[in-house]
Amino acid sequence: MSNKDFDNLPEQPVAIKGIEKPKPADEYLEPYYKTLGDGTLKLLGIKTGLAELDEKTLGLDGLIVLGGIAGQGKTSLALQLAFDACELGTPTIFYSLEMPRRAIFTKILNRLAQVKYSDILLKGRQYLDETGQDKNLLGENIDFYKLLTKEQADKLKEAKEKLTKTSDKFYLRSRESKEADITFESVEREINLIKAEHKADKVLVVIDHLQVFNAGENYKDQIDKEGKLITGFKGISERTGATIILISQKNKAGFTSRGLQTIKGSVDIVYLADVVMFLESDEEKKKDDGDLDNIIATFGGQVLKRIDLVIDKNRYNAPCKIELDFNGEYSSFTERQ
């Protein structure tokens, strides 16, 4: 094009078919201002029931990665957060990609009732001699007292009532036979359906766990796969408004240092997530020094493992550490007093 041609260009922009002019910011400001709080809100995200976690994160929001080495209680913590958030009113979807539905229900009752997991499985059923039928503990009209102590039976009945009361908002998906595949498309579709059914602004989703989620076959290695997964779930969270917790499962042998190294896998996990947190036990922190004092505390006859929930990336606040006690017998986390 010659200089003469440039001189003859129109002063006003010419509309091009299929291309829209960007809108100025003032068209977006009014709806944005309406999203700002009026001073009455304490949290921006979902309340979990763990007071310090809610305070430090302003409630669970966006894409959250929960990681750490195996055996630290990541599934127990995520299940506790999910169920308690649901009990507080948030519709929740828990995608269990390894544990069957029966095991998840038992873990919930295990924590709520403070009855041993094995006792629920071994003693939570009675046989009715007059009919030859048997009733599962989740059924009705069970005489728990024949199999459990009165205290255990009362606790289990109360836990069952809580589970039943919450079950209309608590969705549990697994890979058991005859169930639909769990994919990016199905997760996004189910989030939208549940939001519409409950007329909910917020939905909490847990993926347990990231490394076994079906990412298709178009990836080079595990790191590339994790990058595609984190990118996919980030998109789902942004499009649906759902809060998504991704459990990142790693093996002890794969790491030489603590912290983000236990979940890093792909840099996308760190950069795209809104919150990155990991569980770290006193045992893991002190093993190099040989100092195993105070790793386990006894409280009320119960053995508690001291575990820190370290938040290395925090969307609304500074990185921090929350001290927790983990009761492995009852799959329960409490904030350390």
Protein backbone atom coordinates (compact mmCIF):
# COMPACT_ATOMS: atom_id res chain seq x y z
CA MET A 1 0.00 0.00 0.00
CA SER A 2 1.41 3.43 -1.01
CA ASN A 3 1.47 6.63 1.05
CA LYS A 4 -1.29 7.98 -1.17
CA ASP A 5 -3.47 5.02 -0.23
CA PHE A 6 -2.89 5.72 3.46
CA ASP A 7 -3.91 9.35 2.95
CA ASN A 8 -7.19 8.22 1.43
CA LEU A 9 -8.15 5.90 4.33
CA PRO A 10 -11.44 6.90 6.02
CA GLU A 11 -11.16 8.77 9.31
CA GLN A 12 -13.92 6.70 10.95
CA PRO A 13 -13.40 2.95 11.54
CA VAL A 14 -15.11 0.71 9.04
CA ALA A 15 -17.31 -2.06 10.44
CA ILE A 16 -16.06 -5.50 9.50
CA LYS A 17 -18.58 -8.31 9.31
CA GLY A 18 -18.19 -10.79 12.17
CA ILE A 19 -15.97 -8.51 14.27
CA GLU A 20 -17.45 -6.42 17.10
CA LYS A 21 -15.87 -3.30 18.55
CA PRO A 22 -14.79 -3.80 22.19
CA LYS A 23 -17.17 -2.24 24.71
CA PRO A 24 -15.83 0.57 26.91
CA ALA A 25 -15.43 -0.11 30.62
CA ASP A 26 -18.32 2.15 31.62
CA GLU A 27 -20.78 -0.42 30.26
CA TYR A 28 -19.56 -2.93 32.85
CA LEU A 29 -19.13 -0.68 35.88
CA GLU A 30 -22.74 -0.55 37.10
CA PRO A 31 -23.22 -4.35 37.24
CA TYR A 32 -19.77 -4.64 38.84
CA TYR A 33 -20.62 -2.14 41.60
CA LYS A 34 -23.73 -4.18 42.39
CA THR A 35 -21.54 -7.19 43.20
CA LEU A 36 -19.67 -5.34 45.96
CA GLY A 37 -20.56 -6.06 49.57
CA ASP A 38 -22.57 -3.70 51.76
CA GLY A 39 -20.62 -4.44 54.92
CA THR A 40 -22.90 -7.20 56.17
CA LEU A 41 -20.99 -10.10 54.58
CA LYS A 42 -18.24 -11.83 56.53
CA LEU A 43 -17.30 -14.34 53.83
CA LEU A 44 -16.98 -14.15 50.07
CA GLY A 45 -17.02 -17.90 49.56
CA ILE A 46 -18.48 -21.05 51.11
CA LYS A 47 -18.53 -21.55 54.87
CA THR A 48 -16.96 -24.84 55.96
CA GLY A 49 -17.38 -24.96 59.72
CA LEU A 50 -13.62 -24.70 60.37
CA ALA A 51 -13.60 -21.16 61.75
CA GLU A 52 -9.95 -20.30 61.15
CA LEU A 53 -9.99 -21.70 57.61
CA ASP A 54 -13.09 -19.63 56.84
CA GLU A 55 -11.49 -16.52 58.32
CA LYS A 56 -8.17 -16.90 56.48
CA THR A 57 -9.69 -17.71 53.07
CA LEU A 58 -12.89 -15.63 53.46
CA GLY A 59 -14.71 -18.86 52.63
CA LEU A 60 -13.86 -21.42 49.96
CA ASP A 61 -14.06 -19.85 46.52
CA GLY A 62 -12.82 -20.56 43.00
CA LEU A 63 -10.36 -23.37 42.25
CA ILE A 64 -8.69 -24.93 45.28
CA VAL A 65 -5.92 -27.52 45.30
CA LEU A 66 -5.47 -29.66 48.43
CA GLY A 67 -2.29 -31.71 48.31
CA GLY A 68 0.35 -33.54 50.28
CA ILE A 69 1.94 -36.94 50.55
CA ALA A 70 -0.13 -40.08 50.98
CA GLY A 71 -1.65 -40.89 54.35
CA GLN A 72 -2.12 -37.36 55.69
CA GLY A 73 -5.93 -37.41 55.62
CA LYS A 74 -6.64 -35.39 52.48
CA THR A 75 -9.80 -37.33 51.59
CA SER A 76 -11.01 -37.15 55.20
CA LEU A 77 -10.52 -33.38 55.31
CA ALA A 78 -12.13 -32.77 51.92
CA LEU A 79 -15.10 -34.99 52.84
CA GLN A 80 -15.50 -33.17 56.15
CA LEU A 81 -15.41 -29.75 54.46
CA ALA A 82 -17.84 -30.92 51.78
CA PHE A 83 -20.39 -32.50 54.11
CA ASP A 84 -20.28 -29.68 56.66
CA ALA A 85 -20.65 -27.04 53.93
CA CYS A 86 -23.64 -28.99 52.64
CA GLU A 87 -25.12 -29.18 56.13
CA LEU A 88 -24.77 -25.38 56.27
CA GLY A 89 -26.83 -25.10 53.08
CA THR A 90 -24.48 -25.37 50.07
CA PRO A 91 -25.31 -28.06 47.48
CA THR A 92 -22.28 -30.32 47.16
CA ILE A 93 -21.02 -32.88 44.66
CA PHE A 94 -18.33 -35.31 45.81
CA TYR A 95 -16.66 -37.24 42.97
CA SER A 96 -15.02 -40.30 44.51
CA LEU A 97 -12.81 -41.78 41.81
CA GLU A 98 -11.28 -44.53 43.95
CA MET A 99 -13.44 -45.23 47.00
CA PRO A 100 -16.88 -46.82 46.48
CA ARG A 101 -20.01 -45.05 47.65
CA ARG A 102 -20.40 -47.45 50.61
CA ALA A 103 -16.96 -46.46 51.94
CA ILE A 104 -17.73 -42.74 51.67
CA PHE A 105 -21.04 -43.11 53.53
CA THR A 106 -19.27 -45.11 56.24
CA LYS A 107 -16.56 -42.42 56.62
CA ILE A 108 -19.26 -39.78 57.06
CA LEU A 109 -21.02 -41.79 59.78
CA ASN A 110 -17.64 -42.67 61.31
CA ARG A 111 -16.93 -38.96 61.91
CA LEU A 112 -20.43 -37.82 62.82
CA ALA A 113 -21.09 -40.65 65.28
CA GLN A 114 -17.53 -41.05 66.59
CA VAL A 115 -18.03 -44.79 66.20
CA LYS A 116 -15.22 -46.89 64.76
CA TYR A 117 -15.32 -47.51 61.03
CA SER A 118 -15.00 -51.27 61.60
CA ASP A 119 -17.81 -51.27 64.19
CA ILE A 120 -20.15 -49.61 61.71
CA LEU A 121 -19.36 -52.25 59.11
CA LEU A 122 -19.37 -55.24 61.48
CA LYS A 123 -22.18 -54.28 63.86
CA GLY A 124 -24.37 -51.92 61.90
CA ARG A 125 -26.64 -54.70 60.65
CA GLN A 126 -29.04 -57.05 62.42
CA TYR A 127 -30.78 -60.16 61.18
CA LEU A 128 -34.52 -60.46 61.75
CA ASP A 129 -35.12 -64.10 62.66
CA GLU A 130 -38.88 -64.01 62.11
CA THR A 131 -38.57 -63.01 58.46
CA GLY A 132 -35.07 -64.07 57.51
CA GLN A 133 -34.44 -60.56 56.17
CA ASP A 134 -31.60 -58.29 57.10
CA LYS A 135 -31.60 -54.53 57.42
CA ASN A 136 -28.67 -52.21 56.74
CA LEU A 137 -27.96 -49.50 59.29
CA LEU A 138 -29.12 -46.87 56.78
CA GLY A 139 -32.56 -48.45 56.70
CA GLU A 140 -35.44 -47.85 59.07
CA ASN A 141 -36.58 -49.49 62.32
CA ILE A 142 -33.23 -50.95 63.29
CA ASP A 143 -32.65 -52.18 66.82
CA PHE A 144 -29.06 -50.97 67.17
CA TYR A 145 -28.93 -51.87 70.84
CA LYS A 146 -28.52 -55.59 70.11
CA LEU A 147 -25.18 -54.97 68.44
CA LEU A 148 -23.78 -51.75 69.87
CA THR A 149 -23.60 -50.10 73.28
CA LYS A 150 -26.39 -47.69 74.11
CA GLU A 151 -24.04 -44.73 73.67
CA GLN A 152 -22.83 -45.99 70.29
CA ALA A 153 -26.36 -46.70 69.15
CA ASP A 154 -27.60 -43.25 70.13
CA LYS A 155 -24.68 -41.58 68.35
CA LEU A 156 -25.16 -43.68 65.23
CA LYS A 157 -28.88 -42.93 65.09
CA GLU A 158 -28.18 -39.21 65.40
CA ALA A 159 -25.51 -39.41 62.69
CA LYS A 160 -27.89 -41.28 60.41
CA GLU A 161 -30.50 -38.57 60.88
CA LYS A 162 -27.96 -35.88 59.93
CA LEU A 163 -26.88 -37.81 56.85
CA THR A 164 -30.48 -38.40 55.78
CA LYS A 165 -31.44 -34.76 56.36
CA THR A 166 -28.54 -33.52 54.22
CA SER A 167 -28.76 -36.17 51.51
CA ASP A 168 -31.05 -34.16 49.21
CA LYS A 169 -28.24 -31.62 48.70
CA PHE A 170 -25.29 -34.00 48.94
CA TYR A 171 -24.50 -35.70 45.63
CA LEU A 172 -22.05 -38.60 45.63
CA ARG A 173 -20.66 -39.84 42.32
CA SER A 174 -18.36 -42.82 41.96
CA ARG A 175 -16.97 -45.14 39.31
CA GLU A 176 -19.13 -48.05 40.32
CA SER A 177 -20.62 -50.22 37.61
CA LYS A 178 -23.55 -48.96 35.51
CA GLU A 179 -22.81 -45.33 36.38
CA ALA A 180 -22.12 -42.69 33.73
CA ASP A 181 -18.51 -41.81 32.99
CA ILE A 182 -17.08 -38.88 34.93
CA THR A 183 -15.62 -36.38 32.45
CA PHE A 184 -15.15 -32.63 32.13
CA GLU A 185 -18.41 -32.44 30.20
CA SER A 186 -20.40 -34.48 32.72
CA VAL A 187 -19.02 -32.52 35.69
CA GLU A 188 -19.96 -29.17 34.14
CA ARG A 189 -23.39 -30.44 33.11
CA GLU A 190 -24.12 -31.82 36.59
CA ILE A 191 -23.03 -28.58 38.27
CA ASN A 192 -25.42 -26.57 36.12
CA LEU A 193 -28.28 -29.02 36.72
CA ILE A 194 -27.81 -28.95 40.49
CA LYS A 195 -27.49 -25.15 40.58
CA ALA A 196 -30.77 -24.90 38.68
CA GLU A 197 -32.56 -27.51 40.81
CA HIS A 198 -31.65 -25.82 44.09
CA LYS A 199 -31.70 -22.25 42.71
CA ALA A 200 -28.24 -21.92 44.25
CA ASP A 201 -25.61 -19.27 43.59
CA LYS A 202 -22.88 -21.48 45.01
CA VAL A 203 -22.08 -25.17 44.55
CA LEU A 204 -19.12 -27.00 46.10
CA VAL A 205 -17.42 -29.74 44.08
CA VAL A 206 -14.71 -32.15 45.25
CA ILE A 207 -12.59 -34.25 42.87
CA ASP A 208 -10.88 -37.13 44.69
CA HIS A 209 -8.43 -37.26 43.21
CA LEU A 210 -6.85 -35.26 40.39
CA GLN A 211 -4.30 -37.81 39.20
CA VAL A 212 -6.87 -40.49 38.33
CA PHE A 213 -9.39 -38.21 36.60
CA ASN A 214 -9.98 -39.09 32.96
CA ALA A 215 -8.13 -36.50 30.86
CA GLY A 216 -8.40 -38.44 27.61
CA GLU A 217 -5.29 -39.71 25.87
CA ASN A 218 -3.88 -36.56 24.30
CA TYR A 219 -1.05 -35.79 26.73
CA LYS A 220 2.69 -36.46 26.78
CA ASP A 221 3.29 -37.39 30.41
CA GLN A 222 1.83 -37.04 33.90
CA ILE A 223 2.87 -33.40 34.21
CA ASP A 224 1.23 -32.57 30.88
CA LYS A 225 -1.89 -34.46 31.99
CA GLU A 226 -2.10 -32.51 35.25
CA GLY A 227 -1.69 -29.26 33.33
CA LYS A 228 -4.65 -30.14 31.11
CA LEU A 229 -6.71 -31.15 34.12
CA ILE A 230 -6.07 -27.97 36.10
CA THR A 231 -6.80 -25.85 33.01
CA GLY A 232 -10.03 -27.77 32.39
CA PHE A 233 -11.30 -27.42 35.96
CA LYS A 234 -10.32 -23.74 36.07
CA GLY A 235 -12.55 -23.19 33.05
CA ILE A 236 -15.43 -25.11 34.63
CA SER A 237 -15.14 -23.08 37.83
CA GLU A 238 -15.16 -19.78 35.94
CA ARG A 239 -18.08 -20.71 33.66
CA THR A 240 -20.32 -22.18 36.36
CA GLY A 241 -19.27 -20.17 39.41
CA ALA A 242 -18.72 -23.43 41.32
CA THR A 243 -16.04 -23.79 43.97
CA ILE A 244 -13.94 -26.84 43.06
CA ILE A 245 -11.55 -28.64 45.42
CA LEU A 246 -9.00 -30.82 43.63
CA ILE A 247 -7.23 -33.37 45.80
CA SER A 248 -3.70 -33.87 44.51
CA GLN A 249 -2.38 -37.27 45.55
CA LYS A 250 1.38 -37.79 45.61
CA ASN A 251 3.63 -40.58 46.82
CA LYS A 252 6.22 -40.07 49.54
CA ALA A 253 9.02 -41.44 47.40
CA GLY A 254 8.57 -38.73 44.80
CA PHE A 255 9.69 -35.80 46.89
CA THR A 256 12.84 -34.50 48.50
CA SER A 257 11.33 -31.38 50.08
CA ARG A 258 8.12 -30.28 51.71
CA GLY A 259 5.60 -27.60 50.83
CA LEU A 260 4.54 -26.96 47.28
CA GLN A 261 6.91 -29.68 46.09
CA THR A 262 4.36 -32.19 47.35
CA ILE A 263 1.73 -30.97 44.92
CA LYS A 264 3.57 -29.06 42.22
CA GLY A 265 3.42 -31.69 39.49
CA SER A 266 2.62 -29.02 36.95
CA VAL A 267 3.27 -25.30 37.33
CA ASP A 268 -0.31 -24.80 36.15
CA ILE A 269 -1.49 -26.12 39.52
CA VAL A 270 0.25 -23.26 41.30
CA TYR A 271 -0.51 -20.47 38.84
CA LEU A 272 -4.13 -21.23 37.92
CA ALA A 273 -5.47 -22.24 41.35
CA ASP A 274 -7.00 -19.56 43.57
CA VAL A 275 -5.96 -21.38 46.74
CA VAL A 276 -3.13 -23.91 47.07
CA MET A 277 -2.90 -25.72 50.39
CA PHE A 278 -1.32 -28.90 51.66
CA LEU A 279 -1.35 -31.08 54.75
CA GLU A 280 1.91 -31.57 56.59
CA SER A 281 2.32 -33.63 59.76
CA ASP A 282 4.72 -32.94 62.61
CA GLU A 283 6.23 -36.32 61.87
CA GLU A 284 7.12 -35.24 58.34
CA LYS A 285 8.58 -31.95 59.56
CA LYS A 286 10.68 -33.45 62.36
CA LYS A 287 11.83 -36.76 60.94
CA ASP A 288 15.04 -35.30 59.55
CA ASP A 289 16.05 -34.07 63.01
CA GLY A 290 15.03 -37.26 64.75
CA ASP A 291 12.78 -35.21 67.03
CA LEU A 292 9.53 -37.13 67.36
CA ASP A 293 8.33 -35.47 70.56
CA ASN A 294 4.82 -34.04 70.53
CA ILE A 295 3.95 -35.64 67.19
CA ILE A 296 0.97 -37.38 68.76
CA ALA A 297 -1.13 -35.93 71.54
CA THR A 298 -3.63 -37.77 73.70
CA PHE A 299 -6.85 -35.88 74.39
CA GLY A 300 -9.76 -37.40 76.24
CA GLY A 301 -8.42 -40.90 75.60
CA GLN A 302 -8.25 -40.28 71.86
CA VAL A 303 -5.04 -40.30 69.83
CA LEU A 304 -4.70 -37.14 67.76
CA LYS A 305 -2.11 -36.57 65.06
CA ARG A 306 -0.90 -33.00 64.78
CA ILE A 307 -1.17 -31.83 61.19
CA ASP A 308 -0.74 -28.36 59.74
CA LEU A 309 -2.88 -27.10 56.88
CA VAL A 310 -0.40 -24.84 55.09
CA ILE A 311 -1.94 -22.34 52.67
CA ASP A 312 0.87 -21.34 50.32
CA LYS A 313 -1.31 -19.40 47.88
CA ASN A 314 -4.33 -17.50 49.13
CA ARG A 315 -6.44 -15.44 46.76
CA TYR A 316 -7.81 -13.00 49.34
CA ASN A 317 -5.20 -13.09 52.09
CA ALA A 318 -1.57 -13.75 52.87
CA PRO A 319 -0.16 -17.30 53.00
CA CYS A 320 -0.70 -18.84 56.41
CA LYS A 321 -0.72 -22.02 58.48
CA ILE A 322 -3.67 -23.52 60.33
CA GLU A 323 -2.88 -25.99 63.10
CA LEU A 324 -5.17 -29.01 63.11
CA ASP A 325 -5.55 -32.23 65.06
CA PHE A 326 -6.46 -35.32 63.05
CA ASN A 327 -8.24 -38.23 64.68
CA GLY A 328 -7.63 -41.03 62.20
CA GLU A 329 -9.90 -43.42 64.07
CA TYR A 330 -12.89 -41.18 63.43
CA SER A 331 -11.74 -39.45 60.19
CA SER A 332 -12.09 -36.11 61.95
CA PHE A 333 -10.16 -32.82 61.84
CA THR A 334 -10.47 -30.17 64.56
CA GLU A 335 -8.70 -26.85 64.98
CA ARG A 336 -6.01 -27.12 67.62
CA GLN A 337 -6.81 -25.29 70.83
